[in-house]
Amino acid sequence: MKYLGIDFGLNNLGLSYAEGPLSEPFSQYHYTSQKKALEFLKRVIKKEQINTIIIGLPEGRLAEKVKDFGTRLHQQTNLPVFYQDETLSTKEAKQKMLEAHFPQKKRRQDHRIAAAIILQSYLDDHYKS
């Protein structure tokens, strides 16, 4: 099973990947429209042969946009889309990067680290070897 984790932001997508019980940061994508973001994700999904998509679900008003995006992604890929609570994942990603002494330029990639945290949380709850 190949998983794609997504940290959805209004302008950036953070992506992570897992083929077993451990998630790893994959990439970050800046987008100007959801259409372009969906096209990008479809290419990644095809290239990496993804089977399951996990999207971080925030609290508040952004949650509805995330669910709409997940629905559209499911409709275009026909892959299962699951949601994982992402409360504080970006804050945790920034903290971990500071602790690891990442240079400031690399800390701008916090969305892909947050995606890895989201996916790892899902795997910890659901992965069976």
C-alpha atoms as a PDB file:
ATOM      1  CA  MET A   1       0.000   0.000   0.000  1.00  0.00           C
ATOM      2  CA  LYS A   2       1.350   3.425  -0.977  1.00  0.00           C
ATOM      3  CA  TYR A   3       0.053   6.445   0.919  1.00  0.00           C
ATOM      4  CA  LEU A   4       0.143  10.132   0.033  1.00  0.00           C
ATOM      5  CA  GLY A   5      -0.225  12.570   2.927  1.00  0.00           C
ATOM      6  CA  ILE A   6      -1.394  16.103   2.194  1.00  0.00           C
ATOM      7  CA  ASP A   7      -1.158  19.228   4.305  1.00  0.00           C
ATOM      8  CA  PHE A   8      -3.662  21.494   2.528  1.00  0.00           C
ATOM      9  CA  GLY A   9      -3.139  25.233   2.655  1.00  0.00           C
ATOM     10  CA  LEU A  10      -4.810  28.026   0.730  1.00  0.00           C
ATOM     11  CA  ASN A  11      -1.665  28.543  -1.392  1.00  0.00           C
ATOM     12  CA  ASN A  12       0.559  25.548  -0.664  1.00  0.00           C
ATOM     13  CA  LEU A  13       0.295  21.790  -0.518  1.00  0.00           C
ATOM     14  CA  GLY A  14       2.694  19.836   1.616  1.00  0.00           C
ATOM     15  CA  LEU A  15       3.136  16.229   0.542  1.00  0.00           C
ATOM     16  CA  SER A  16       4.457  13.172   2.318  1.00  0.00           C
ATOM     17  CA  TYR A  17       4.779   9.547   1.298  1.00  0.00           C
ATOM     18  CA  ALA A  18       4.734   6.150   2.951  1.00  0.00           C
ATOM     19  CA  GLU A  19       4.963   2.612   1.671  1.00  0.00           C
ATOM     20  CA  GLY A  20       5.116   1.062   5.127  1.00  0.00           C
ATOM     21  CA  PRO A  21       4.693   2.206   8.710  1.00  0.00           C
ATOM     22  CA  LEU A  22       6.921   5.317   8.400  1.00  0.00           C
ATOM     23  CA  SER A  23       6.024   8.566   6.693  1.00  0.00           C
ATOM     24  CA  GLU A  24       8.600  10.803   5.054  1.00  0.00           C
ATOM     25  CA  PRO A  25       8.376  14.348   3.679  1.00  0.00           C
ATOM     26  CA  PHE A  26       8.032  14.340  -0.098  1.00  0.00           C
ATOM     27  CA  SER A  27       7.534  17.795  -1.604  1.00  0.00           C
ATOM     28  CA  GLN A  28       5.816  21.134  -1.347  1.00  0.00           C
ATOM     29  CA  TYR A  29       3.789  22.731  -4.123  1.00  0.00           C
ATOM     30  CA  HIS A  30       2.697  26.367  -4.415  1.00  0.00           C
ATOM     31  CA  TYR A  31      -0.485  26.732  -6.453  1.00  0.00           C
ATOM     32  CA  THR A  32      -2.618  29.540  -7.820  1.00  0.00           C
ATOM     33  CA  SER A  33      -5.837  27.570  -8.389  1.00  0.00           C
ATOM     34  CA  GLN A  34      -7.338  24.356  -7.079  1.00  0.00           C
ATOM     35  CA  LYS A  35      -7.537  23.110 -10.654  1.00  0.00           C
ATOM     36  CA  LYS A  36      -3.744  23.348 -10.975  1.00  0.00           C
ATOM     37  CA  ALA A  37      -3.282  21.734  -7.559  1.00  0.00           C
ATOM     38  CA  LEU A  38      -5.510  18.806  -8.556  1.00  0.00           C
ATOM     39  CA  GLU A  39      -3.655  18.372 -11.866  1.00  0.00           C
ATOM     40  CA  PHE A  40      -0.331  18.349 -10.008  1.00  0.00           C
ATOM     41  CA  LEU A  41      -1.603  15.771  -7.514  1.00  0.00           C
ATOM     42  CA  LYS A  42      -2.927  13.520 -10.278  1.00  0.00           C
ATOM     43  CA  ARG A  43       0.545  13.471 -11.866  1.00  0.00           C
ATOM     44  CA  VAL A  44       2.187  12.655  -8.516  1.00  0.00           C
ATOM     45  CA  ILE A  45      -0.366   9.932  -7.787  1.00  0.00           C
ATOM     46  CA  LYS A  46       0.172   8.311 -11.166  1.00  0.00           C
ATOM     47  CA  LYS A  47       3.977   8.535 -11.034  1.00  0.00           C
ATOM     48  CA  GLU A  48       4.250   7.230  -7.454  1.00  0.00           C
ATOM     49  CA  GLN A  49       1.431   4.663  -7.903  1.00  0.00           C
ATOM     50  CA  ILE A  50      -0.435   5.919  -4.819  1.00  0.00           C
ATOM     51  CA  ASN A  51      -3.271   3.752  -3.453  1.00  0.00           C
ATOM     52  CA  THR A  52      -4.599   5.854  -0.560  1.00  0.00           C
ATOM     53  CA  ILE A  53      -4.734   9.580   0.188  1.00  0.00           C
ATOM     54  CA  ILE A  54      -4.669  11.089   3.677  1.00  0.00           C
ATOM     55  CA  ILE A  55      -5.517  14.774   4.055  1.00  0.00           C
ATOM     56  CA  GLY A  56      -5.008  16.759   7.227  1.00  0.00           C
ATOM     57  CA  LEU A  57      -8.299  18.124   8.535  1.00  0.00           C
ATOM     58  CA  PRO A  58      -8.062  21.401  10.436  1.00  0.00           C
ATOM     59  CA  GLU A  59     -10.590  22.932  12.763  1.00  0.00           C
ATOM     60  CA  GLY A  60     -12.692  25.941  11.830  1.00  0.00           C
ATOM     61  CA  ARG A  61     -13.637  27.444   8.490  1.00  0.00           C
ATOM     62  CA  LEU A  62     -10.824  25.827   6.495  1.00  0.00           C
ATOM     63  CA  ALA A  63     -12.227  22.347   7.269  1.00  0.00           C
ATOM     64  CA  GLU A  64     -15.036  22.763   4.729  1.00  0.00           C
ATOM     65  CA  LYS A  65     -12.573  23.775   1.986  1.00  0.00           C
ATOM     66  CA  VAL A  66     -10.393  20.774   2.816  1.00  0.00           C
ATOM     67  CA  LYS A  67     -13.376  18.403   2.583  1.00  0.00           C
ATOM     68  CA  ASP A  68     -14.431  19.954  -0.744  1.00  0.00           C
ATOM     69  CA  PHE A  69     -10.873  19.548  -2.051  1.00  0.00           C
ATOM     70  CA  GLY A  70     -10.783  15.929  -0.844  1.00  0.00           C
ATOM     71  CA  THR A  71     -14.089  15.186  -2.547  1.00  0.00           C
ATOM     72  CA  ARG A  72     -12.833  16.637  -5.823  1.00  0.00           C
ATOM     73  CA  LEU A  73      -9.571  14.701  -5.528  1.00  0.00           C
ATOM     74  CA  HIS A  74     -11.498  11.468  -4.923  1.00  0.00           C
ATOM     75  CA  GLN A  75     -13.765  12.144  -7.921  1.00  0.00           C
ATOM     76  CA  GLN A  76     -10.788  12.737 -10.209  1.00  0.00           C
ATOM     77  CA  THR A  77      -8.612   9.840  -9.008  1.00  0.00           C
ATOM     78  CA  ASN A  78     -11.172   7.318  -7.747  1.00  0.00           C
ATOM     79  CA  LEU A  79      -8.842   6.647  -4.798  1.00  0.00           C
ATOM     80  CA  PRO A  80      -9.971   6.468  -1.174  1.00  0.00           C
ATOM     81  CA  VAL A  81      -9.474   9.752   0.671  1.00  0.00           C
ATOM     82  CA  PHE A  82      -9.292   9.766   4.456  1.00  0.00           C
ATOM     83  CA  TYR A  83      -9.023  12.718   6.806  1.00  0.00           C
ATOM     84  CA  GLN A  84      -6.706  12.940   9.792  1.00  0.00           C
ATOM     85  CA  ASP A  85      -6.895  15.572  12.506  1.00  0.00           C
ATOM     86  CA  GLU A  86      -4.096  18.037  11.837  1.00  0.00           C
ATOM     87  CA  THR A  87      -4.460  20.180  14.923  1.00  0.00           C
ATOM     88  CA  LEU A  88      -1.121  21.845  15.592  1.00  0.00           C
ATOM     89  CA  SER A  89       0.715  19.839  12.890  1.00  0.00           C
ATOM     90  CA  THR A  90       2.252  22.952  11.290  1.00  0.00           C
ATOM     91  CA  LYS A  91       3.295  24.272  14.687  1.00  0.00           C
ATOM     92  CA  GLU A  92       4.794  20.873  15.536  1.00  0.00           C
ATOM     93  CA  ALA A  93       6.614  20.809  12.178  1.00  0.00           C
ATOM     94  CA  LYS A  94       8.145  24.232  12.827  1.00  0.00           C
ATOM     95  CA  GLN A  95       9.196  23.194  16.324  1.00  0.00           C
ATOM     96  CA  LYS A  96      10.844  19.989  15.082  1.00  0.00           C
ATOM     97  CA  MET A  97      12.698  21.912  12.382  1.00  0.00           C
ATOM     98  CA  LEU A  98      13.988  24.394  14.958  1.00  0.00           C
ATOM     99  CA  GLU A  99      15.102  21.576  17.239  1.00  0.00           C
ATOM    100  CA  ALA A 100      16.932  19.943  14.324  1.00  0.00           C
ATOM    101  CA  HIS A 101      18.655  23.268  13.552  1.00  0.00           C
ATOM    102  CA  PHE A 102      17.250  23.514  10.024  1.00  0.00           C
ATOM    103  CA  PRO A 103      18.412  26.706   8.307  1.00  0.00           C
ATOM    104  CA  GLN A 104      15.714  29.337   7.860  1.00  0.00           C
ATOM    105  CA  LYS A 105      15.488  28.669   4.106  1.00  0.00           C
ATOM    106  CA  LYS A 106      14.630  25.000   4.738  1.00  0.00           C
ATOM    107  CA  ARG A 107      12.102  25.952   7.435  1.00  0.00           C
ATOM    108  CA  ARG A 108       9.968  27.437   4.670  1.00  0.00           C
ATOM    109  CA  GLN A 109       9.281  23.825   3.663  1.00  0.00           C
ATOM    110  CA  ASP A 110       7.208  23.310   6.817  1.00  0.00           C
ATOM    111  CA  HIS A 111       4.147  22.155   4.844  1.00  0.00           C
ATOM    112  CA  ARG A 112       5.872  18.960   3.699  1.00  0.00           C
ATOM    113  CA  ILE A 113       7.015  18.275   7.277  1.00  0.00           C
ATOM    114  CA  ALA A 114       3.454  18.900   8.501  1.00  0.00           C
ATOM    115  CA  ALA A 115       2.206  16.468   5.828  1.00  0.00           C
ATOM    116  CA  ALA A 116       4.623  13.843   7.163  1.00  0.00           C
ATOM    117  CA  ILE A 117       3.345  14.408  10.709  1.00  0.00           C
ATOM    118  CA  ILE A 118      -0.274  14.090   9.515  1.00  0.00           C
ATOM    119  CA  LEU A 119       0.428  10.902   7.576  1.00  0.00           C
ATOM    120  CA  GLN A 120       2.466   9.422  10.436  1.00  0.00           C
ATOM    121  CA  SER A 121      -0.407  10.087  12.824  1.00  0.00           C
ATOM    122  CA  TYR A 122      -2.771   8.251  10.459  1.00  0.00           C
ATOM    123  CA  LEU A 123      -0.358   5.329  10.065  1.00  0.00           C
ATOM    124  CA  ASP A 124       0.119   5.069  13.829  1.00  0.00           C
ATOM    125  CA  ASP A 125      -3.663   4.744  14.189  1.00  0.00           C
ATOM    126  CA  HIS A 126      -4.373   2.471  11.205  1.00  0.00           C
ATOM    127  CA  TYR A 127      -1.313   0.670   9.838  1.00  0.00           C
ATOM    128  CA  LYS A 128      -1.266  -3.111  10.109  1.00  0.00           C
ATOM    129  CA  SER A 129       1.814  -4.979   8.873  1.00  0.00           C
END
